[in-house]
Amino acid sequence: MRIGIIQGRLSRPVEGFQECPKNWQREFDLLPLVGLTHIEWIVTQKSENSNPIFQEIGKNLPISSICADNFVDSKIFEGSNIEKILSPICHAARKNSVKSVTVPLLEDSSLEDPEKLLFFIRNFSPFARENSDIVFSLETELSVNKISELVKISDNIRLTYDTGNNTSYGVDHGEYIDNFFDKISNVHLKDRLKNGKTVEPGSGDTNLQEIIRKLNKKGYSGPFTMQFCRGIEGYEIDQCKKHLNHVKSIYDNIAKI
């Protein structure tokens, strides 16, 4: 089981709640000490013009994906903004030998509205095909039928399965895994309340044990990326170790069955 973490969770949120920390190298140094395997890099609207990933920072860093968090913006439904936002991130991925780009289709970039879904498919399809060397991992809060339309866009489309967001949205986890297992390239580990916020793992409505059991039974071998709630500022490493132990305990118990 390869378990990593979203960028910034090993650092105090000095730059923001979910931002690339100024001392981003420190988090990579901490990975083996905490017991993690990778980091999912993040580009936000705040950092889209200055993020270090746009430089060549190192081709051997354990970066599982670049999350285009700056894509969470209603402007993606205007003109050619899909290409304008994602092209620099694809270029950065190639420059740093990162094979995957995570595309969040949430909140302001949600495709719940049928017209927005159609706009996205029409405009993203040619872009995805033109960048066939990049895996685009879509993170959604949608019904099974709408997700089915998205994964047909191109052969390089995959899914980031966010356990907490899907819980909050009301998705049936078993149905999601059964329908899209072959397309899941990353699992965001998160616990949320139904129609509510992210909470400590084990205290929300996300049945992580059942989710991990089902993924394991089907043979999932991709990365798990922790994106649990933040704890008390200044205790980030202890918090991450606590969350990692929680996930490992679930996995170990499943393995014994």
C-alpha atoms as a PDB file:
ATOM      1  CA  MET A   1       0.000   0.000   0.000  1.00  0.00           C
ATOM      2  CA  ARG A   2       1.625   3.225  -1.185  1.00  0.00           C
ATOM      3  CA  ILE A   3       0.491   6.107   1.004  1.00  0.00           C
ATOM      4  CA  GLY A   4       1.485   9.706   0.375  1.00  0.00           C
ATOM      5  CA  ILE A   5       0.112  13.121   1.205  1.00  0.00           C
ATOM      6  CA  ILE A   6      -1.168  16.278  -0.433  1.00  0.00           C
ATOM      7  CA  GLN A   7       1.435  19.021  -0.468  1.00  0.00           C
ATOM      8  CA  GLY A   8       1.468  21.364   2.518  1.00  0.00           C
ATOM      9  CA  ARG A   9       0.062  19.000   5.132  1.00  0.00           C
ATOM     10  CA  LEU A  10       3.535  18.419   6.621  1.00  0.00           C
ATOM     11  CA  SER A  11       4.073  22.155   7.076  1.00  0.00           C
ATOM     12  CA  ARG A  12       2.474  24.946   9.046  1.00  0.00           C
ATOM     13  CA  PRO A  13      -0.065  26.737   6.805  1.00  0.00           C
ATOM     14  CA  VAL A  14       1.979  29.933   6.636  1.00  0.00           C
ATOM     15  CA  GLU A  15       1.296  30.467   2.928  1.00  0.00           C
ATOM     16  CA  GLY A  16      -2.336  29.389   3.243  1.00  0.00           C
ATOM     17  CA  PHE A  17      -4.553  26.435   4.152  1.00  0.00           C
ATOM     18  CA  GLN A  18      -3.626  24.458   1.056  1.00  0.00           C
ATOM     19  CA  GLU A  19      -0.617  26.004  -0.667  1.00  0.00           C
ATOM     20  CA  CYS A  20       2.841  24.946  -1.798  1.00  0.00           C
ATOM     21  CA  PRO A  21       5.037  25.796   1.221  1.00  0.00           C
ATOM     22  CA  LYS A  22       7.987  28.108   0.683  1.00  0.00           C
ATOM     23  CA  ASN A  23      10.320  25.421   2.005  1.00  0.00           C
ATOM     24  CA  TRP A  24       8.802  22.685  -0.142  1.00  0.00           C
ATOM     25  CA  GLN A  25      12.036  20.655  -0.140  1.00  0.00           C
ATOM     26  CA  ARG A  26      11.619  19.997   3.595  1.00  0.00           C
ATOM     27  CA  GLU A  27       8.443  17.991   3.004  1.00  0.00           C
ATOM     28  CA  PHE A  28      10.253  15.606   0.659  1.00  0.00           C
ATOM     29  CA  ASP A  29      13.001  15.153   3.256  1.00  0.00           C
ATOM     30  CA  LEU A  30      10.322  14.274   5.834  1.00  0.00           C
ATOM     31  CA  LEU A  31       8.606  11.582   3.749  1.00  0.00           C
ATOM     32  CA  PRO A  32      10.785   8.613   4.828  1.00  0.00           C
ATOM     33  CA  LEU A  33      10.811   9.804   8.436  1.00  0.00           C
ATOM     34  CA  VAL A  34       7.012   9.895   8.576  1.00  0.00           C
ATOM     35  CA  GLY A  35       6.624   6.690   6.545  1.00  0.00           C
ATOM     36  CA  LEU A  36       5.090   8.156   3.385  1.00  0.00           C
ATOM     37  CA  THR A  37       5.960   7.420  -0.234  1.00  0.00           C
ATOM     38  CA  HIS A  38       4.971  10.476  -2.265  1.00  0.00           C
ATOM     39  CA  ILE A  39       3.592  14.001  -2.425  1.00  0.00           C
ATOM     40  CA  GLU A  40       0.826  15.258  -4.684  1.00  0.00           C
ATOM     41  CA  TRP A  41       2.048  18.710  -5.711  1.00  0.00           C
ATOM     42  CA  ILE A  42      -0.465  21.550  -5.734  1.00  0.00           C
ATOM     43  CA  VAL A  43      -0.859  24.672  -7.884  1.00  0.00           C
ATOM     44  CA  THR A  44      -3.451  27.185  -6.674  1.00  0.00           C
ATOM     45  CA  GLN A  45      -4.723  30.457  -8.087  1.00  0.00           C
ATOM     46  CA  LYS A  46      -2.445  32.226  -5.619  1.00  0.00           C
ATOM     47  CA  SER A  47       0.646  30.454  -6.938  1.00  0.00           C
ATOM     48  CA  GLU A  48      -0.206  29.880 -10.607  1.00  0.00           C
ATOM     49  CA  ASN A  49       2.338  32.505 -11.716  1.00  0.00           C
ATOM     50  CA  SER A  50       5.074  31.741  -9.190  1.00  0.00           C
ATOM     51  CA  ASN A  51       4.845  28.071  -8.230  1.00  0.00           C
ATOM     52  CA  PRO A  52       8.283  26.356  -8.104  1.00  0.00           C
ATOM     53  CA  ILE A  53       6.995  23.441 -10.198  1.00  0.00           C
ATOM     54  CA  PHE A  54       7.142  25.683 -13.274  1.00  0.00           C
ATOM     55  CA  GLN A  55      10.920  25.477 -12.975  1.00  0.00           C
ATOM     56  CA  GLU A  56      12.909  22.272 -13.282  1.00  0.00           C
ATOM     57  CA  ILE A  57      13.044  21.281  -9.606  1.00  0.00           C
ATOM     58  CA  GLY A  58      14.149  17.675 -10.017  1.00  0.00           C
ATOM     59  CA  LYS A  59      13.118  14.694 -12.104  1.00  0.00           C
ATOM     60  CA  ASN A  60      13.637  12.148  -9.335  1.00  0.00           C
ATOM     61  CA  LEU A  61      11.323  13.620  -6.710  1.00  0.00           C
ATOM     62  CA  PRO A  62       8.461  11.305  -5.640  1.00  0.00           C
ATOM     63  CA  ILE A  63       5.670  13.482  -7.040  1.00  0.00           C
ATOM     64  CA  SER A  64       2.612  11.361  -7.810  1.00  0.00           C
ATOM     65  CA  SER A  65       0.713  14.090  -9.647  1.00  0.00           C
ATOM     66  CA  ILE A  66       0.388  17.847 -10.035  1.00  0.00           C
ATOM     67  CA  CYS A  67      -3.006  18.959  -8.743  1.00  0.00           C
ATOM     68  CA  ALA A  68      -4.332  21.892 -10.777  1.00  0.00           C
ATOM     69  CA  ASP A  69      -6.226  23.407  -7.869  1.00  0.00           C
ATOM     70  CA  ASN A  70      -6.307  26.700  -9.795  1.00  0.00           C
ATOM     71  CA  PHE A  71      -8.770  24.958 -12.121  1.00  0.00           C
ATOM     72  CA  VAL A  72     -11.471  25.379  -9.458  1.00  0.00           C
ATOM     73  CA  ASP A  73     -12.753  28.566 -11.053  1.00  0.00           C
ATOM     74  CA  SER A  74     -15.888  29.448 -13.016  1.00  0.00           C
ATOM     75  CA  LYS A  75     -13.689  31.033 -15.696  1.00  0.00           C
ATOM     76  CA  ILE A  76     -12.957  27.566 -17.115  1.00  0.00           C
ATOM     77  CA  PHE A  77     -16.361  27.847 -18.792  1.00  0.00           C
ATOM     78  CA  GLU A  78     -15.230  30.888 -20.772  1.00  0.00           C
ATOM     79  CA  GLY A  79     -13.382  30.851 -24.087  1.00  0.00           C
ATOM     80  CA  SER A  80     -10.132  28.902 -24.133  1.00  0.00           C
ATOM     81  CA  ASN A  81      -9.393  29.115 -20.409  1.00  0.00           C
ATOM     82  CA  ILE A  82      -9.241  25.331 -19.999  1.00  0.00           C
ATOM     83  CA  GLU A  83      -6.190  25.244 -22.239  1.00  0.00           C
ATOM     84  CA  LYS A  84      -4.715  28.438 -20.730  1.00  0.00           C
ATOM     85  CA  ILE A  85      -4.834  26.992 -17.219  1.00  0.00           C
ATOM     86  CA  LEU A  86      -3.726  23.441 -17.966  1.00  0.00           C
ATOM     87  CA  SER A  87      -1.055  23.987 -20.646  1.00  0.00           C
ATOM     88  CA  PRO A  88       1.566  25.455 -18.245  1.00  0.00           C
ATOM     89  CA  ILE A  89       0.913  22.640 -15.770  1.00  0.00           C
ATOM     90  CA  CYS A  90       1.341  19.998 -18.474  1.00  0.00           C
ATOM     91  CA  HIS A  91       4.605  21.662 -19.491  1.00  0.00           C
ATOM     92  CA  ALA A  92       5.756  21.642 -15.852  1.00  0.00           C
ATOM     93  CA  ALA A  93       4.833  17.964 -15.556  1.00  0.00           C
ATOM     94  CA  ARG A  94       6.983  17.069 -18.568  1.00  0.00           C
ATOM     95  CA  LYS A  95       9.858  19.207 -17.352  1.00  0.00           C
ATOM     96  CA  ASN A  96       9.888  17.387 -14.018  1.00  0.00           C
ATOM     97  CA  SER A  97       8.991  13.878 -15.263  1.00  0.00           C
ATOM     98  CA  VAL A  98       5.573  13.858 -13.569  1.00  0.00           C
ATOM     99  CA  LYS A  99       3.185  11.646 -15.513  1.00  0.00           C
ATOM    100  CA  SER A 100      -0.155  12.765 -14.047  1.00  0.00           C
ATOM    101  CA  VAL A 101      -2.151  15.994 -13.687  1.00  0.00           C
ATOM    102  CA  THR A 102      -5.100  16.026 -11.287  1.00  0.00           C
ATOM    103  CA  VAL A 103      -8.025  18.141 -12.525  1.00  0.00           C
ATOM    104  CA  PRO A 104     -10.535  19.071  -9.771  1.00  0.00           C
ATOM    105  CA  LEU A 105     -14.070  19.474 -11.103  1.00  0.00           C
ATOM    106  CA  LEU A 106     -15.482  20.757  -7.836  1.00  0.00           C
ATOM    107  CA  GLU A 107     -17.262  23.822  -6.475  1.00  0.00           C
ATOM    108  CA  ASP A 108     -16.777  26.635  -9.063  1.00  0.00           C
ATOM    109  CA  SER A 109     -15.573  24.121 -11.665  1.00  0.00           C
ATOM    110  CA  SER A 110     -18.349  21.607 -10.963  1.00  0.00           C
ATOM    111  CA  LEU A 111     -19.992  19.963 -13.967  1.00  0.00           C
ATOM    112  CA  GLU A 112     -23.322  19.380 -12.252  1.00  0.00           C
ATOM    113  CA  ASP A 113     -25.029  21.705 -14.717  1.00  0.00           C
ATOM    114  CA  PRO A 114     -25.636  19.854 -18.042  1.00  0.00           C
ATOM    115  CA  GLU A 115     -24.549  22.865 -20.114  1.00  0.00           C
ATOM    116  CA  LYS A 116     -21.270  23.138 -18.214  1.00  0.00           C
ATOM    117  CA  LEU A 117     -20.702  19.400 -18.618  1.00  0.00           C
ATOM    118  CA  LEU A 118     -21.205  19.706 -22.369  1.00  0.00           C
ATOM    119  CA  PHE A 119     -18.923  22.769 -22.570  1.00  0.00           C
ATOM    120  CA  PHE A 120     -16.181  20.941 -20.691  1.00  0.00           C
ATOM    121  CA  ILE A 121     -16.400  17.823 -22.844  1.00  0.00           C
ATOM    122  CA  ARG A 122     -16.308  19.840 -26.078  1.00  0.00           C
ATOM    123  CA  ASN A 123     -13.345  21.966 -25.001  1.00  0.00           C
ATOM    124  CA  PHE A 124     -11.337  19.493 -22.941  1.00  0.00           C
ATOM    125  CA  SER A 125     -11.561  16.563 -25.371  1.00  0.00           C
ATOM    126  CA  PRO A 126      -9.208  17.975 -28.036  1.00  0.00           C
ATOM    127  CA  PHE A 127      -6.810  19.246 -25.374  1.00  0.00           C
ATOM    128  CA  ALA A 128      -6.634  15.836 -23.689  1.00  0.00           C
ATOM    129  CA  ARG A 129      -5.990  14.096 -26.995  1.00  0.00           C
ATOM    130  CA  GLU A 130      -3.289  16.602 -27.966  1.00  0.00           C
ATOM    131  CA  ASN A 131      -1.545  15.901 -24.648  1.00  0.00           C
ATOM    132  CA  SER A 132      -1.770  12.127 -24.821  1.00  0.00           C
ATOM    133  CA  ASP A 133       1.499  11.692 -22.898  1.00  0.00           C
ATOM    134  CA  ILE A 134      -0.158  13.121 -19.763  1.00  0.00           C
ATOM    135  CA  VAL A 135      -2.637  11.211 -17.614  1.00  0.00           C
ATOM    136  CA  PHE A 136      -5.474  13.552 -16.645  1.00  0.00           C
ATOM    137  CA  SER A 137      -6.969  12.331 -13.375  1.00  0.00           C
ATOM    138  CA  LEU A 138     -10.376  13.960 -12.907  1.00  0.00           C
ATOM    139  CA  GLU A 139     -11.625  14.577  -9.370  1.00  0.00           C
ATOM    140  CA  THR A 140     -15.409  14.883  -9.437  1.00  0.00           C
ATOM    141  CA  GLU A 141     -18.582  15.106  -7.393  1.00  0.00           C
ATOM    142  CA  LEU A 142     -21.031  13.758  -9.940  1.00  0.00           C
ATOM    143  CA  SER A 143     -23.479  10.972 -10.596  1.00  0.00           C
ATOM    144  CA  VAL A 144     -22.274   7.721 -12.169  1.00  0.00           C
ATOM    145  CA  ASN A 145     -23.906   8.602 -15.506  1.00  0.00           C
ATOM    146  CA  LYS A 146     -22.097  11.927 -15.805  1.00  0.00           C
ATOM    147  CA  ILE A 147     -18.751  10.438 -14.801  1.00  0.00           C
ATOM    148  CA  SER A 148     -19.271   7.783 -17.478  1.00  0.00           C
ATOM    149  CA  GLU A 149     -19.441  10.560 -20.081  1.00  0.00           C
ATOM    150  CA  LEU A 150     -16.182  12.072 -18.833  1.00  0.00           C
ATOM    151  CA  VAL A 151     -14.069   8.923 -18.868  1.00  0.00           C
ATOM    152  CA  LYS A 152     -14.965   8.392 -22.539  1.00  0.00           C
ATOM    153  CA  ILE A 153     -13.306  11.672 -23.557  1.00  0.00           C
ATOM    154  CA  SER A 154      -9.895  10.179 -24.270  1.00  0.00           C
ATOM    155  CA  ASP A 155      -7.766   7.121 -23.505  1.00  0.00           C
ATOM    156  CA  ASN A 156      -5.600   9.165 -21.101  1.00  0.00           C
ATOM    157  CA  ILE A 157      -8.486  10.092 -18.791  1.00  0.00           C
ATOM    158  CA  ARG A 158      -8.449   8.606 -15.300  1.00  0.00           C
ATOM    159  CA  LEU A 159     -10.170   9.370 -11.990  1.00  0.00           C
ATOM    160  CA  THR A 160      -8.989  10.649  -8.631  1.00  0.00           C
ATOM    161  CA  TYR A 161     -11.367   8.975  -6.193  1.00  0.00           C
ATOM    162  CA  ASP A 162     -11.842  11.338  -3.243  1.00  0.00           C
ATOM    163  CA  THR A 163     -13.439   9.276  -0.497  1.00  0.00           C
ATOM    164  CA  GLY A 164     -14.565  12.244   1.593  1.00  0.00           C
ATOM    165  CA  ASN A 165     -15.934  14.424  -1.180  1.00  0.00           C
ATOM    166  CA  ASN A 166     -17.936  11.523  -2.560  1.00  0.00           C
ATOM    167  CA  THR A 167     -19.345  10.858   0.899  1.00  0.00           C
ATOM    168  CA  SER A 168     -20.440  14.468   1.274  1.00  0.00           C
ATOM    169  CA  TYR A 169     -22.002  14.433  -2.189  1.00  0.00           C
ATOM    170  CA  GLY A 170     -23.922  11.227  -1.409  1.00  0.00           C
ATOM    171  CA  VAL A 171     -22.182   8.879  -3.852  1.00  0.00           C
ATOM    172  CA  ASP A 172     -22.535   5.151  -3.231  1.00  0.00           C
ATOM    173  CA  HIS A 173     -18.905   4.086  -2.802  1.00  0.00           C
ATOM    174  CA  GLY A 174     -19.532   0.490  -3.819  1.00  0.00           C
ATOM    175  CA  GLU A 175     -21.261   1.588  -7.021  1.00  0.00           C
ATOM    176  CA  TYR A 176     -18.449   4.058  -7.790  1.00  0.00           C
ATOM    177  CA  ILE A 177     -15.724   1.438  -7.381  1.00  0.00           C
ATOM    178  CA  ASP A 178     -17.655  -1.205  -9.326  1.00  0.00           C
ATOM    179  CA  ASN A 179     -18.239   1.153 -12.249  1.00  0.00           C
ATOM    180  CA  PHE A 180     -14.891   2.908 -12.442  1.00  0.00           C
ATOM    181  CA  PHE A 181     -12.279   0.695 -10.809  1.00  0.00           C
ATOM    182  CA  ASP A 182     -10.277   0.384 -14.035  1.00  0.00           C
ATOM    183  CA  LYS A 183     -10.124   4.182 -14.312  1.00  0.00           C
ATOM    184  CA  ILE A 184      -9.059   5.012 -10.747  1.00  0.00           C
ATOM    185  CA  SER A 185      -5.446   6.229 -10.764  1.00  0.00           C
ATOM    186  CA  ASN A 186      -5.330   7.862  -7.322  1.00  0.00           C
ATOM    187  CA  VAL A 187      -7.334   7.692  -4.107  1.00  0.00           C
ATOM    188  CA  HIS A 188      -7.625  10.765  -1.901  1.00  0.00           C
ATOM    189  CA  LEU A 189      -8.116   9.530   1.656  1.00  0.00           C
ATOM    190  CA  LYS A 190     -10.468  11.860   3.470  1.00  0.00           C
ATOM    191  CA  ASP A 191     -13.305  11.536   5.995  1.00  0.00           C
ATOM    192  CA  ARG A 192     -16.283  13.867   5.676  1.00  0.00           C
ATOM    193  CA  LEU A 193     -19.767  14.188   7.042  1.00  0.00           C
ATOM    194  CA  LYS A 194     -22.655  13.782   4.630  1.00  0.00           C
ATOM    195  CA  ASN A 195     -23.290  17.265   3.243  1.00  0.00           C
ATOM    196  CA  GLY A 196     -20.649  18.449   5.672  1.00  0.00           C
ATOM    197  CA  LYS A 197     -17.035  19.222   6.419  1.00  0.00           C
ATOM    198  CA  THR A 198     -13.827  17.200   6.552  1.00  0.00           C
ATOM    199  CA  VAL A 199     -13.250  15.636   9.976  1.00  0.00           C
ATOM    200  CA  GLU A 200     -10.768  13.402  11.787  1.00  0.00           C
ATOM    201  CA  PRO A 201     -10.559   9.949  10.159  1.00  0.00           C
ATOM    202  CA  GLY A 202     -12.966   7.604  11.878  1.00  0.00           C
ATOM    203  CA  SER A 203     -15.284  10.358  13.113  1.00  0.00           C
ATOM    204  CA  GLY A 204     -17.199  11.067   9.898  1.00  0.00           C
ATOM    205  CA  ASP A 205     -19.556   9.239   7.552  1.00  0.00           C
ATOM    206  CA  THR A 206     -16.870   7.817   5.243  1.00  0.00           C
ATOM    207  CA  ASN A 207     -16.462   4.069   5.713  1.00  0.00           C
ATOM    208  CA  LEU A 208     -12.745   3.896   4.962  1.00  0.00           C
ATOM    209  CA  GLN A 209     -12.559   0.282   6.043  1.00  0.00           C
ATOM    210  CA  GLU A 210     -15.138  -0.850   3.508  1.00  0.00           C
ATOM    211  CA  ILE A 211     -13.625   1.347   0.768  1.00  0.00           C
ATOM    212  CA  ILE A 212     -10.083   0.059   1.295  1.00  0.00           C
ATOM    213  CA  ARG A 213     -11.359  -3.528   1.599  1.00  0.00           C
ATOM    214  CA  LYS A 214     -13.184  -3.291  -1.738  1.00  0.00           C
ATOM    215  CA  LEU A 215     -10.244  -1.630  -3.512  1.00  0.00           C
ATOM    216  CA  ASN A 216      -7.870  -4.232  -2.105  1.00  0.00           C
ATOM    217  CA  LYS A 217     -10.146  -7.089  -3.168  1.00  0.00           C
ATOM    218  CA  LYS A 218     -10.235  -5.754  -6.722  1.00  0.00           C
ATOM    219  CA  GLY A 219      -6.451  -5.468  -6.792  1.00  0.00           C
ATOM    220  CA  TYR A 220      -5.921  -1.712  -6.616  1.00  0.00           C
ATOM    221  CA  SER A 221      -2.175  -0.994  -6.752  1.00  0.00           C
ATOM    222  CA  GLY A 222      -2.160   2.768  -7.291  1.00  0.00           C
ATOM    223  CA  PRO A 223      -1.297   5.467  -4.770  1.00  0.00           C
ATOM    224  CA  PHE A 224      -3.335   6.530  -1.770  1.00  0.00           C
ATOM    225  CA  THR A 225      -2.928  10.229  -0.932  1.00  0.00           C
ATOM    226  CA  MET A 226      -3.927  11.479   2.506  1.00  0.00           C
ATOM    227  CA  GLN A 227      -5.918  14.709   2.549  1.00  0.00           C
ATOM    228  CA  PHE A 228      -7.398  14.507   6.009  1.00  0.00           C
ATOM    229  CA  CYS A 229      -8.305  17.559   8.092  1.00  0.00           C
ATOM    230  CA  ARG A 230      -5.591  19.723   9.559  1.00  0.00           C
ATOM    231  CA  GLY A 231      -5.020  19.620  13.300  1.00  0.00           C
ATOM    232  CA  ILE A 232      -3.444  22.090  15.716  1.00  0.00           C
ATOM    233  CA  GLU A 233      -0.960  24.345  13.952  1.00  0.00           C
ATOM    234  CA  GLY A 234       2.601  23.384  14.761  1.00  0.00           C
ATOM    235  CA  TYR A 235       1.823  19.679  15.204  1.00  0.00           C
ATOM    236  CA  GLU A 236       1.520  18.770  11.522  1.00  0.00           C
ATOM    237  CA  ILE A 237       3.987  15.875  11.593  1.00  0.00           C
ATOM    238  CA  ASP A 238       2.363  14.275  14.646  1.00  0.00           C
ATOM    239  CA  GLN A 239      -1.034  14.691  13.003  1.00  0.00           C
ATOM    240  CA  CYS A 240       0.144  13.031   9.798  1.00  0.00           C
ATOM    241  CA  LYS A 241       1.681  10.138  11.698  1.00  0.00           C
ATOM    242  CA  LYS A 242      -1.597   9.680  13.570  1.00  0.00           C
ATOM    243  CA  HIS A 243      -3.593   9.633  10.330  1.00  0.00           C
ATOM    244  CA  LEU A 244      -1.110   7.268   8.675  1.00  0.00           C
ATOM    245  CA  ASN A 245      -1.338   4.834  11.595  1.00  0.00           C
ATOM    246  CA  HIS A 246      -5.130   4.933  11.313  1.00  0.00           C
ATOM    247  CA  VAL A 247      -5.008   3.986   7.616  1.00  0.00           C
ATOM    248  CA  LYS A 248      -2.353   1.304   8.138  1.00  0.00           C
ATOM    249  CA  SER A 249      -4.391  -0.220  10.967  1.00  0.00           C
ATOM    250  CA  ILE A 250      -7.399  -0.504   8.643  1.00  0.00           C
ATOM    251  CA  TYR A 251      -5.288  -2.074   5.911  1.00  0.00           C
ATOM    252  CA  ASP A 252      -3.571  -4.523   8.288  1.00  0.00           C
ATOM    253  CA  ASN A 253      -6.903  -5.686   9.699  1.00  0.00           C
ATOM    254  CA  ILE A 254      -8.236  -6.256   6.186  1.00  0.00           C
ATOM    255  CA  ALA A 255      -5.139  -8.239   5.227  1.00  0.00           C
ATOM    256  CA  LYS A 256      -5.721 -10.607   8.167  1.00  0.00           C
ATOM    257  CA  ILE A 257      -9.226 -11.511   7.008  1.00  0.00           C
END
